[in-house]
């Protein structure tokens, strides 16, 4: 089952991250926790997948990051969605809807 989750994640991780960051400024570990919480533990994103994705999204201009100090004095990188990122999220959501509908049509043929 873990391998199946990873395969699903590869195609959707960027969209899921953009969706979580759209909710408000958030640091990397909290993104991972939020994804796990919202998905009722289906998505458990390892650091080795999350941080490269965050860097990729930042390089593409879809996320903006800045270092902030926490209450405990620790520095964390906090991510926010850019305008370009918001547009990209909209496009990703439309693509996801189309994909979901197409898969549903195909699955119905097996009934």
N, C-alpha and C. Protein backbone atom coordinates (compact mmCIF):
# COMPACT_ATOMS: atom_id res chain seq x y z
N UNK A 1 0.83 -1.21 0.00
CA UNK A 1 0.00 0.00 0.00
C UNK A 1 0.86 1.26 0.00
N UNK A 2 2.01 1.25 0.66
CA UNK A 2 2.88 2.43 0.71
C UNK A 2 3.35 2.81 -0.68
N UNK A 3 3.69 1.81 -1.50
CA UNK A 3 4.13 2.07 -2.87
C UNK A 3 2.99 2.69 -3.68
N UNK A 4 1.76 2.20 -3.47
CA UNK A 4 0.60 2.75 -4.18
C UNK A 4 0.41 4.22 -3.80
N UNK A 5 0.56 4.54 -2.53
CA UNK A 5 0.43 5.92 -2.09
C UNK A 5 1.48 6.79 -2.76
N UNK A 6 2.72 6.31 -2.85
CA UNK A 6 3.80 7.07 -3.45
C UNK A 6 3.51 7.34 -4.92
N UNK A 7 2.98 6.34 -5.63
CA UNK A 7 2.68 6.53 -7.04
C UNK A 7 1.59 7.58 -7.23
N UNK A 8 0.59 7.58 -6.41
CA UNK A 8 -0.46 8.60 -6.48
C UNK A 8 0.15 9.97 -6.19
N UNK A 9 1.00 10.00 -5.19
CA UNK A 9 1.60 11.25 -4.76
C UNK A 9 2.44 11.91 -5.83
N UNK A 10 3.19 11.13 -6.60
CA UNK A 10 4.08 11.70 -7.62
C UNK A 10 3.34 12.64 -8.55
N UNK A 11 2.15 12.28 -8.97
CA UNK A 11 1.41 13.09 -9.92
C UNK A 11 0.63 14.23 -9.29
N UNK A 12 0.51 14.25 -7.99
CA UNK A 12 -0.38 15.23 -7.35
C UNK A 12 0.28 16.09 -6.27
N UNK A 13 1.52 15.80 -5.93
CA UNK A 13 2.15 16.48 -4.80
C UNK A 13 2.18 18.00 -4.98
N UNK A 14 2.55 18.49 -6.15
CA UNK A 14 2.61 19.94 -6.36
C UNK A 14 1.25 20.59 -6.10
N UNK A 15 0.20 19.99 -6.66
CA UNK A 15 -1.14 20.54 -6.48
C UNK A 15 -1.55 20.52 -5.01
N UNK A 16 -1.23 19.43 -4.31
CA UNK A 16 -1.60 19.34 -2.90
C UNK A 16 -0.86 20.38 -2.06
N UNK A 17 0.42 20.58 -2.35
CA UNK A 17 1.19 21.58 -1.62
C UNK A 17 0.62 22.97 -1.88
N UNK A 18 0.36 23.29 -3.14
CA UNK A 18 -0.19 24.61 -3.47
C UNK A 18 -1.53 24.83 -2.76
N UNK A 19 -2.34 23.79 -2.68
CA UNK A 19 -3.63 23.89 -2.01
C UNK A 19 -3.47 24.21 -0.53
N UNK A 20 -2.56 23.52 0.13
CA UNK A 20 -2.34 23.76 1.56
C UNK A 20 -1.76 25.16 1.79
N UNK A 21 -0.81 25.55 0.97
CA UNK A 21 -0.20 26.87 1.15
C UNK A 21 -1.21 27.98 0.84
N UNK A 22 -2.18 27.71 -0.03
CA UNK A 22 -3.22 28.70 -0.33
C UNK A 22 -4.04 29.06 0.89
N UNK A 23 -4.05 28.19 1.90
CA UNK A 23 -4.80 28.45 3.13
C UNK A 23 -4.15 29.52 3.99
N UNK A 24 -2.85 29.77 3.77
CA UNK A 24 -2.14 30.79 4.53
C UNK A 24 -0.69 30.41 4.70
N UNK A 25 0.15 31.37 5.13
CA UNK A 25 1.59 31.11 5.31
C UNK A 25 1.83 29.90 6.21
N UNK A 26 2.79 29.07 5.80
CA UNK A 26 3.01 27.81 6.52
C UNK A 26 4.43 27.31 6.25
N UNK A 27 5.02 26.64 7.23
CA UNK A 27 6.37 26.10 7.04
C UNK A 27 6.28 24.64 6.57
N UNK A 28 7.40 24.13 6.08
CA UNK A 28 7.44 22.82 5.44
C UNK A 28 6.88 21.68 6.27
N UNK A 29 7.34 21.54 7.49
CA UNK A 29 6.87 20.43 8.32
C UNK A 29 5.36 20.52 8.53
N UNK A 30 4.86 21.74 8.71
CA UNK A 30 3.42 21.92 8.92
C UNK A 30 2.63 21.57 7.66
N UNK A 31 3.22 21.79 6.47
CA UNK A 31 2.57 21.39 5.23
C UNK A 31 2.38 19.87 5.23
N UNK A 32 3.43 19.16 5.58
CA UNK A 32 3.38 17.71 5.64
C UNK A 32 2.31 17.24 6.63
N UNK A 33 2.30 17.85 7.81
CA UNK A 33 1.33 17.49 8.84
C UNK A 33 -0.10 17.78 8.39
N UNK A 34 -0.30 18.94 7.74
CA UNK A 34 -1.64 19.32 7.28
C UNK A 34 -2.14 18.35 6.21
N UNK A 35 -1.26 17.97 5.29
CA UNK A 35 -1.65 17.01 4.25
C UNK A 35 -2.07 15.69 4.87
N UNK A 36 -1.31 15.25 5.85
CA UNK A 36 -1.62 13.99 6.53
C UNK A 36 -2.95 14.10 7.28
N UNK A 37 -3.14 15.22 7.96
CA UNK A 37 -4.36 15.41 8.76
C UNK A 37 -5.60 15.49 7.86
N UNK A 38 -5.54 16.33 6.82
CA UNK A 38 -6.70 16.52 5.95
C UNK A 38 -7.06 15.23 5.22
N UNK A 39 -6.04 14.47 4.83
CA UNK A 39 -6.28 13.22 4.07
C UNK A 39 -6.56 12.03 4.98
N UNK A 40 -6.70 12.29 6.26
CA UNK A 40 -6.95 11.22 7.24
C UNK A 40 -5.87 10.15 7.14
N UNK A 41 -4.62 10.60 7.12
CA UNK A 41 -3.42 9.75 7.11
C UNK A 41 -3.13 9.05 5.79
N UNK A 42 -3.88 9.37 4.72
CA UNK A 42 -3.56 8.74 3.44
C UNK A 42 -2.23 9.27 2.90
N UNK A 43 -2.06 10.59 2.92
CA UNK A 43 -0.81 11.17 2.44
C UNK A 43 0.14 11.40 3.61
N UNK A 44 1.24 10.67 3.57
CA UNK A 44 2.31 10.85 4.55
C UNK A 44 3.55 11.16 3.72
N UNK A 45 3.82 12.46 3.57
CA UNK A 45 4.86 12.92 2.65
C UNK A 45 6.21 12.92 3.35
N UNK A 46 7.14 12.09 2.89
CA UNK A 46 8.47 12.08 3.49
C UNK A 46 9.24 13.35 3.13
N UNK A 47 10.17 13.72 4.01
CA UNK A 47 10.97 14.93 3.78
C UNK A 47 11.68 14.88 2.43
N UNK A 48 12.11 13.68 2.03
CA UNK A 48 12.83 13.52 0.77
C UNK A 48 11.98 13.81 -0.45
N UNK A 49 10.67 13.86 -0.29
CA UNK A 49 9.77 14.25 -1.38
C UNK A 49 9.29 15.69 -1.20
N UNK A 50 9.00 16.06 0.05
CA UNK A 50 8.43 17.37 0.32
C UNK A 50 9.38 18.52 0.00
N UNK A 51 10.59 18.48 0.54
CA UNK A 51 11.47 19.64 0.39
C UNK A 51 11.96 19.85 -1.03
N UNK A 52 12.27 18.80 -1.80
CA UNK A 52 12.57 19.04 -3.21
C UNK A 52 11.38 19.67 -3.96
N UNK A 53 10.16 19.23 -3.62
CA UNK A 53 8.97 19.80 -4.25
C UNK A 53 8.82 21.27 -3.88
N UNK A 54 9.03 21.61 -2.62
CA UNK A 54 8.94 23.01 -2.20
C UNK A 54 9.96 23.87 -2.94
N UNK A 55 11.18 23.37 -3.07
CA UNK A 55 12.22 24.13 -3.80
C UNK A 55 11.84 24.28 -5.26
N UNK A 56 11.30 23.23 -5.86
CA UNK A 56 10.88 23.28 -7.26
C UNK A 56 9.77 24.31 -7.45
N UNK A 57 8.80 24.32 -6.56
CA UNK A 57 7.69 25.27 -6.65
C UNK A 57 8.17 26.71 -6.43
N UNK A 58 9.13 26.86 -5.56
CA UNK A 58 9.71 28.18 -5.33
C UNK A 58 10.49 28.63 -6.58
N UNK A 59 11.27 27.74 -7.16
CA UNK A 59 12.03 28.06 -8.38
C UNK A 59 11.12 28.45 -9.53
N UNK A 60 9.94 27.84 -9.60
CA UNK A 60 8.98 28.15 -10.67
C UNK A 60 8.22 29.44 -10.40
N UNK A 61 8.40 30.01 -9.21
CA UNK A 61 7.72 31.26 -8.89
C UNK A 61 6.30 31.07 -8.38
N UNK A 62 5.94 29.84 -8.02
CA UNK A 62 4.59 29.57 -7.53
C UNK A 62 4.50 29.75 -6.02
N UNK A 63 5.62 29.61 -5.33
CA UNK A 63 5.70 29.84 -3.89
C UNK A 63 6.77 30.88 -3.62
N UNK A 64 6.55 31.62 -2.55
CA UNK A 64 7.57 32.55 -2.06
C UNK A 64 7.90 32.12 -0.64
N UNK A 65 9.17 32.21 -0.29
CA UNK A 65 9.57 31.76 1.04
C UNK A 65 10.39 32.82 1.74
N UNK A 66 10.24 32.87 3.05
CA UNK A 66 11.09 33.75 3.86
C UNK A 66 11.33 33.08 5.20
N UNK A 67 12.47 33.39 5.77
CA UNK A 67 12.83 32.82 7.07
C UNK A 67 12.16 33.63 8.17
N UNK A 68 11.57 32.94 9.13
CA UNK A 68 10.94 33.58 10.28
C UNK A 68 11.36 32.85 11.55
N UNK A 69 11.38 33.59 12.63
CA UNK A 69 11.73 33.00 13.91
C UNK A 69 10.46 32.57 14.63
N UNK A 70 10.48 31.36 15.17
CA UNK A 70 9.32 30.86 15.91
C UNK A 70 9.37 31.40 17.34
N UNK A 71 8.32 31.14 18.10
CA UNK A 71 8.27 31.56 19.50
C UNK A 71 9.41 30.94 20.31
N UNK A 72 9.84 29.76 19.89
CA UNK A 72 10.92 29.08 20.62
C UNK A 72 12.30 29.55 20.17
N UNK A 73 12.34 30.50 19.24
CA UNK A 73 13.62 31.04 18.79
C UNK A 73 14.24 30.30 17.62
N UNK A 74 13.54 29.29 17.13
CA UNK A 74 14.03 28.53 15.99
C UNK A 74 13.66 29.23 14.70
N UNK A 75 14.51 29.13 13.69
CA UNK A 75 14.22 29.71 12.38
C UNK A 75 13.55 28.66 11.50
N UNK A 76 12.45 29.05 10.83
CA UNK A 76 11.77 28.17 9.89
C UNK A 76 11.50 28.95 8.60
N UNK A 77 11.48 28.22 7.51
CA UNK A 77 11.19 28.82 6.22
C UNK A 77 9.68 28.75 6.01
N UNK A 78 9.05 29.91 5.88
CA UNK A 78 7.60 29.99 5.75
C UNK A 78 7.24 30.27 4.29
N UNK A 79 6.32 29.49 3.77
CA UNK A 79 5.93 29.58 2.37
C UNK A 79 4.58 30.27 2.21
N UNK A 80 4.47 31.08 1.17
CA UNK A 80 3.21 31.69 0.79
C UNK A 80 3.02 31.48 -0.71
N UNK A 81 1.78 31.51 -1.13
CA UNK A 81 1.44 31.33 -2.53
C UNK A 81 1.57 32.67 -3.26
N UNK A 82 2.21 32.66 -4.41
CA UNK A 82 2.32 33.88 -5.23
C UNK A 82 1.08 33.98 -6.13
N UNK A 83 0.93 35.10 -6.81
CA UNK A 83 -0.17 35.23 -7.77
C UNK A 83 -0.07 34.17 -8.85
N UNK A 84 1.16 33.97 -9.33
CA UNK A 84 1.40 32.95 -10.35
C UNK A 84 1.04 31.57 -9.81
N UNK A 85 1.37 31.33 -8.55
CA UNK A 85 1.04 30.06 -7.91
C UNK A 85 -0.46 29.86 -7.78
N UNK A 86 -1.17 30.94 -7.49
CA UNK A 86 -2.63 30.85 -7.37
C UNK A 86 -3.25 30.50 -8.73
N UNK A 87 -2.74 31.14 -9.79
CA UNK A 87 -3.23 30.82 -11.14
C UNK A 87 -2.92 29.36 -11.49
N UNK A 88 -1.70 28.93 -11.14
CA UNK A 88 -1.31 27.55 -11.42
C UNK A 88 -2.19 26.56 -10.67
N UNK A 89 -2.50 26.89 -9.42
CA UNK A 89 -3.39 26.03 -8.63
C UNK A 89 -4.74 25.92 -9.30
N UNK A 90 -5.27 27.02 -9.80
CA UNK A 90 -6.55 26.99 -10.51
C UNK A 90 -6.49 26.07 -11.72
N UNK A 91 -5.41 26.16 -12.48
CA UNK A 91 -5.23 25.31 -13.66
C UNK A 91 -5.10 23.84 -13.24
N UNK A 92 -4.36 23.59 -12.17
CA UNK A 92 -4.19 22.22 -11.68
C UNK A 92 -5.53 21.63 -11.24
N UNK A 93 -6.36 22.45 -10.62
CA UNK A 93 -7.66 21.97 -10.15
C UNK A 93 -8.56 21.62 -11.33
N UNK A 94 -8.53 22.44 -12.38
CA UNK A 94 -9.31 22.15 -13.58
C UNK A 94 -8.83 20.85 -14.21
N UNK A 95 -7.51 20.69 -14.31
CA UNK A 95 -6.95 19.46 -14.88
C UNK A 95 -7.33 18.24 -14.04
N UNK A 96 -7.30 18.40 -12.72
CA UNK A 96 -7.66 17.30 -11.84
C UNK A 96 -9.12 16.89 -12.04
N UNK A 97 -10.00 17.88 -12.17
CA UNK A 97 -11.42 17.59 -12.41
C UNK A 97 -11.60 16.81 -13.70
N UNK A 98 -10.92 17.24 -14.76
CA UNK A 98 -11.01 16.54 -16.05
C UNK A 98 -10.50 15.11 -15.92
N UNK A 99 -9.36 14.95 -15.25
CA UNK A 99 -8.78 13.62 -15.07
C UNK A 99 -9.73 12.74 -14.27
N UNK A 100 -10.27 13.27 -13.19
CA UNK A 100 -11.19 12.50 -12.33
C UNK A 100 -12.42 12.06 -13.11
N UNK A 101 -12.98 12.96 -13.91
CA UNK A 101 -14.16 12.62 -14.71
C UNK A 101 -13.83 11.53 -15.73
N UNK A 102 -12.67 11.66 -16.39
CA UNK A 102 -12.28 10.68 -17.39
C UNK A 102 -12.06 9.30 -16.76
N UNK A 103 -11.40 9.27 -15.61
CA UNK A 103 -11.18 8.00 -14.91
C UNK A 103 -12.52 7.40 -14.49
N UNK A 104 -13.42 8.22 -13.99
CA UNK A 104 -14.74 7.74 -13.57
C UNK A 104 -15.48 7.12 -14.75
N UNK A 105 -15.41 7.74 -15.90
CA UNK A 105 -16.08 7.20 -17.09
C UNK A 105 -15.51 5.83 -17.45
N UNK A 106 -14.19 5.71 -17.39
CA UNK A 106 -13.56 4.43 -17.71
C UNK A 106 -13.94 3.36 -16.69
N UNK A 107 -13.93 3.72 -15.40
CA UNK A 107 -14.27 2.76 -14.36
C UNK A 107 -15.72 2.28 -14.49
N UNK A 108 -16.59 3.13 -14.95
CA UNK A 108 -18.00 2.74 -15.11
C UNK A 108 -18.17 1.64 -16.15
N UNK A 109 -17.24 1.55 -17.10
CA UNK A 109 -17.35 0.51 -18.11
C UNK A 109 -17.14 -0.88 -17.52
N UNK A 110 -16.52 -0.94 -16.35
CA UNK A 110 -16.27 -2.23 -15.69
C UNK A 110 -17.47 -2.72 -14.90
N UNK A 111 -18.48 -1.92 -14.79
CA UNK A 111 -19.65 -2.30 -13.98
C UNK A 111 -20.51 -3.32 -14.68
